[in-house]
Amino acid sequence: MHIEIDKDICIGAGQCALTAPGVFTQDDDGFSMLLPGREDGAGDPLVREAARACPVGAITVTDSAPARTQAN
């Protein structure tokens, strides 16, 4: 899993930190950031819910596994 926070659109609502406090926190200015060592979500099942909870869609969660291709 790979998590990105778009700092340009984050408004600091804090819903991510409330939903998945083991992965997200807020910086001194109140904007969302990942906790150190949690860039991959640390297996937290609430990471995707935290991304959905963001009122401005600043959080993107993608699978880190390579895309599967089907042989012809």
N, C-alpha and C. Protein backbone atom coordinates (compact mmCIF):
# COMPACT_ATOMS: atom_id res chain seq x y z
N MET A 1 0.85 -1.17 0.00
CA MET A 1 0.00 0.00 0.00
C MET A 1 0.89 1.23 0.00
N HIS A 2 0.47 2.24 -0.74
CA HIS A 2 1.20 3.51 -0.80
C HIS A 2 0.22 4.64 -0.52
N ILE A 3 0.60 5.55 0.36
CA ILE A 3 -0.27 6.65 0.77
C ILE A 3 0.39 7.96 0.38
N GLU A 4 -0.40 8.86 -0.21
CA GLU A 4 0.08 10.20 -0.52
C GLU A 4 -0.92 11.21 0.01
N ILE A 5 -0.40 12.32 0.55
CA ILE A 5 -1.23 13.43 1.00
C ILE A 5 -0.88 14.62 0.14
N ASP A 6 -1.86 15.18 -0.54
CA ASP A 6 -1.64 16.36 -1.37
C ASP A 6 -1.70 17.58 -0.46
N LYS A 7 -0.53 18.09 -0.12
CA LYS A 7 -0.42 19.23 0.81
C LYS A 7 -1.04 20.50 0.23
N ASP A 8 -1.17 20.56 -1.10
CA ASP A 8 -1.74 21.75 -1.73
C ASP A 8 -3.24 21.87 -1.51
N ILE A 9 -3.92 20.73 -1.27
CA ILE A 9 -5.37 20.82 -1.08
C ILE A 9 -5.82 20.45 0.33
N CYS A 10 -4.91 19.94 1.17
CA CYS A 10 -5.25 19.61 2.55
C CYS A 10 -5.69 20.88 3.28
N ILE A 11 -6.82 20.79 3.99
CA ILE A 11 -7.31 21.94 4.75
C ILE A 11 -7.15 21.74 6.26
N GLY A 12 -6.58 20.61 6.66
CA GLY A 12 -6.33 20.37 8.08
C GLY A 12 -7.56 20.00 8.87
N ALA A 13 -8.53 19.35 8.23
CA ALA A 13 -9.75 18.96 8.93
C ALA A 13 -9.46 17.90 10.00
N GLY A 14 -8.43 17.10 9.81
CA GLY A 14 -8.02 16.12 10.80
C GLY A 14 -8.81 14.83 10.83
N GLN A 15 -9.68 14.62 9.85
CA GLN A 15 -10.47 13.40 9.83
C GLN A 15 -9.60 12.15 9.67
N CYS A 16 -8.51 12.28 8.94
CA CYS A 16 -7.61 11.13 8.77
C CYS A 16 -6.98 10.73 10.10
N ALA A 17 -6.52 11.71 10.87
CA ALA A 17 -5.90 11.42 12.16
C ALA A 17 -6.91 10.87 13.15
N LEU A 18 -8.15 11.29 13.05
CA LEU A 18 -9.19 10.76 13.93
C LEU A 18 -9.55 9.33 13.55
N THR A 19 -9.56 9.04 12.25
CA THR A 19 -9.96 7.73 11.76
C THR A 19 -8.86 6.69 11.88
N ALA A 20 -7.63 7.06 11.55
CA ALA A 20 -6.50 6.12 11.61
C ALA A 20 -5.31 6.78 12.33
N PRO A 21 -5.43 6.96 13.65
CA PRO A 21 -4.38 7.67 14.39
C PRO A 21 -3.04 6.94 14.45
N GLY A 22 -3.01 5.69 14.08
CA GLY A 22 -1.75 4.95 14.04
C GLY A 22 -0.95 5.20 12.78
N VAL A 23 -1.54 5.94 11.84
CA VAL A 23 -0.88 6.21 10.56
C VAL A 23 -0.77 7.71 10.30
N PHE A 24 -1.82 8.47 10.61
CA PHE A 24 -1.86 9.90 10.31
C PHE A 24 -1.75 10.74 11.57
N THR A 25 -1.19 11.92 11.42
CA THR A 25 -1.15 12.91 12.48
C THR A 25 -1.27 14.28 11.81
N GLN A 26 -1.16 15.33 12.60
CA GLN A 26 -1.20 16.68 12.04
C GLN A 26 0.07 17.41 12.45
N ASP A 27 0.60 18.22 11.53
CA ASP A 27 1.82 18.97 11.83
C ASP A 27 1.49 20.18 12.70
N ASP A 28 2.48 20.99 13.00
CA ASP A 28 2.29 22.14 13.89
C ASP A 28 1.30 23.15 13.34
N ASP A 29 1.10 23.15 12.02
CA ASP A 29 0.13 24.07 11.41
C ASP A 29 -1.24 23.44 11.27
N GLY A 30 -1.39 22.19 11.70
CA GLY A 30 -2.69 21.52 11.65
C GLY A 30 -2.94 20.72 10.39
N PHE A 31 -1.96 20.65 9.50
CA PHE A 31 -2.16 19.91 8.26
C PHE A 31 -1.76 18.44 8.43
N SER A 32 -2.39 17.59 7.67
CA SER A 32 -2.18 16.15 7.79
C SER A 32 -0.80 15.73 7.31
N MET A 33 -0.28 14.72 7.98
CA MET A 33 0.99 14.12 7.59
C MET A 33 1.00 12.67 8.07
N LEU A 34 1.86 11.88 7.46
CA LEU A 34 2.01 10.49 7.87
C LEU A 34 2.98 10.41 9.04
N LEU A 35 2.71 9.51 9.96
CA LEU A 35 3.65 9.27 11.04
C LEU A 35 4.91 8.63 10.47
N PRO A 36 6.07 8.92 11.04
CA PRO A 36 7.31 8.31 10.55
C PRO A 36 7.21 6.79 10.55
N GLY A 37 7.64 6.19 9.44
CA GLY A 37 7.61 4.75 9.31
C GLY A 37 6.26 4.17 8.94
N ARG A 38 5.28 5.02 8.68
CA ARG A 38 3.93 4.55 8.35
C ARG A 38 3.54 4.85 6.91
N GLU A 39 4.52 5.14 6.07
CA GLU A 39 4.26 5.50 4.68
C GLU A 39 3.53 4.42 3.90
N ASP A 40 3.62 3.17 4.38
CA ASP A 40 2.94 2.07 3.70
C ASP A 40 1.64 1.68 4.38
N GLY A 41 1.23 2.46 5.37
CA GLY A 41 -0.02 2.18 6.08
C GLY A 41 0.13 1.24 7.25
N ALA A 42 1.26 0.60 7.37
CA ALA A 42 1.57 -0.30 8.49
C ALA A 42 0.49 -1.34 8.74
N GLY A 43 -0.19 -1.75 7.67
CA GLY A 43 -1.22 -2.78 7.80
C GLY A 43 -2.49 -2.32 8.49
N ASP A 44 -2.63 -1.02 8.71
CA ASP A 44 -3.82 -0.50 9.39
C ASP A 44 -5.04 -0.63 8.48
N PRO A 45 -6.07 -1.35 8.91
CA PRO A 45 -7.25 -1.54 8.08
C PRO A 45 -8.09 -0.28 7.89
N LEU A 46 -7.81 0.77 8.64
CA LEU A 46 -8.60 1.99 8.56
C LEU A 46 -8.02 3.05 7.62
N VAL A 47 -6.90 2.75 6.97
CA VAL A 47 -6.26 3.73 6.09
C VAL A 47 -7.20 4.16 4.96
N ARG A 48 -7.82 3.21 4.30
CA ARG A 48 -8.72 3.56 3.18
C ARG A 48 -9.94 4.33 3.68
N GLU A 49 -10.43 3.98 4.85
CA GLU A 49 -11.55 4.73 5.43
C GLU A 49 -11.13 6.16 5.75
N ALA A 50 -9.91 6.33 6.22
CA ALA A 50 -9.40 7.67 6.50
C ALA A 50 -9.32 8.50 5.23
N ALA A 51 -8.90 7.88 4.13
CA ALA A 51 -8.85 8.59 2.85
C ALA A 51 -10.25 9.01 2.41
N ARG A 52 -11.23 8.12 2.60
CA ARG A 52 -12.61 8.46 2.24
C ARG A 52 -13.18 9.56 3.14
N ALA A 53 -12.69 9.64 4.37
CA ALA A 53 -13.19 10.63 5.33
C ALA A 53 -12.68 12.04 5.04
N CYS A 54 -11.63 12.15 4.24
CA CYS A 54 -11.06 13.47 3.93
C CYS A 54 -12.07 14.28 3.14
N PRO A 55 -12.48 15.45 3.66
CA PRO A 55 -13.52 16.23 2.98
C PRO A 55 -13.10 16.83 1.65
N VAL A 56 -11.79 16.92 1.39
CA VAL A 56 -11.32 17.51 0.13
C VAL A 56 -10.58 16.50 -0.75
N GLY A 57 -10.54 15.24 -0.34
CA GLY A 57 -9.88 14.21 -1.15
C GLY A 57 -8.39 14.38 -1.27
N ALA A 58 -7.74 14.85 -0.22
CA ALA A 58 -6.30 15.09 -0.27
C ALA A 58 -5.46 13.83 -0.12
N ILE A 59 -6.10 12.71 0.26
CA ILE A 59 -5.36 11.48 0.51
C ILE A 59 -5.63 10.47 -0.59
N THR A 60 -4.55 9.92 -1.14
CA THR A 60 -4.64 8.89 -2.16
C THR A 60 -3.99 7.62 -1.62
N VAL A 61 -4.71 6.51 -1.71
CA VAL A 61 -4.17 5.22 -1.28
C VAL A 61 -4.17 4.30 -2.49
N THR A 62 -3.01 3.76 -2.80
CA THR A 62 -2.89 2.82 -3.92
C THR A 62 -2.22 1.54 -3.43
N ASP A 63 -2.49 0.46 -4.14
CA ASP A 63 -1.84 -0.80 -3.82
C ASP A 63 -0.41 -0.74 -4.32
N SER A 64 0.51 -1.22 -3.50
CA SER A 64 1.91 -1.19 -3.91
C SER A 64 2.29 -2.40 -4.75
N ALA A 65 1.39 -3.38 -4.79
CA ALA A 65 1.67 -4.56 -5.59
C ALA A 65 1.64 -4.20 -7.07
N PRO A 66 2.55 -4.76 -7.86
CA PRO A 66 2.55 -4.46 -9.29
C PRO A 66 1.27 -4.97 -9.95
N ALA A 67 0.87 -4.27 -10.97
CA ALA A 67 -0.34 -4.66 -11.70
C ALA A 67 -0.11 -5.99 -12.39
N ARG A 68 -1.10 -6.84 -12.36
CA ARG A 68 -0.99 -8.15 -13.02
C ARG A 68 -1.31 -8.01 -14.49
N THR A 69 -0.54 -8.70 -15.29
CA THR A 69 -0.84 -8.73 -16.72
C THR A 69 -1.15 -10.15 -17.11
N GLN A 70 -2.04 -10.29 -18.05
CA GLN A 70 -2.44 -11.62 -18.49
C GLN A 70 -1.70 -11.96 -19.77
N ALA A 71 -1.07 -13.13 -19.78
CA ALA A 71 -0.33 -13.56 -20.97
C ALA A 71 -1.32 -13.95 -22.07
N ASN A 72 -0.96 -13.64 -23.31
CA ASN A 72 -1.82 -13.98 -24.45
C ASN A 72 -1.56 -15.37 -24.90
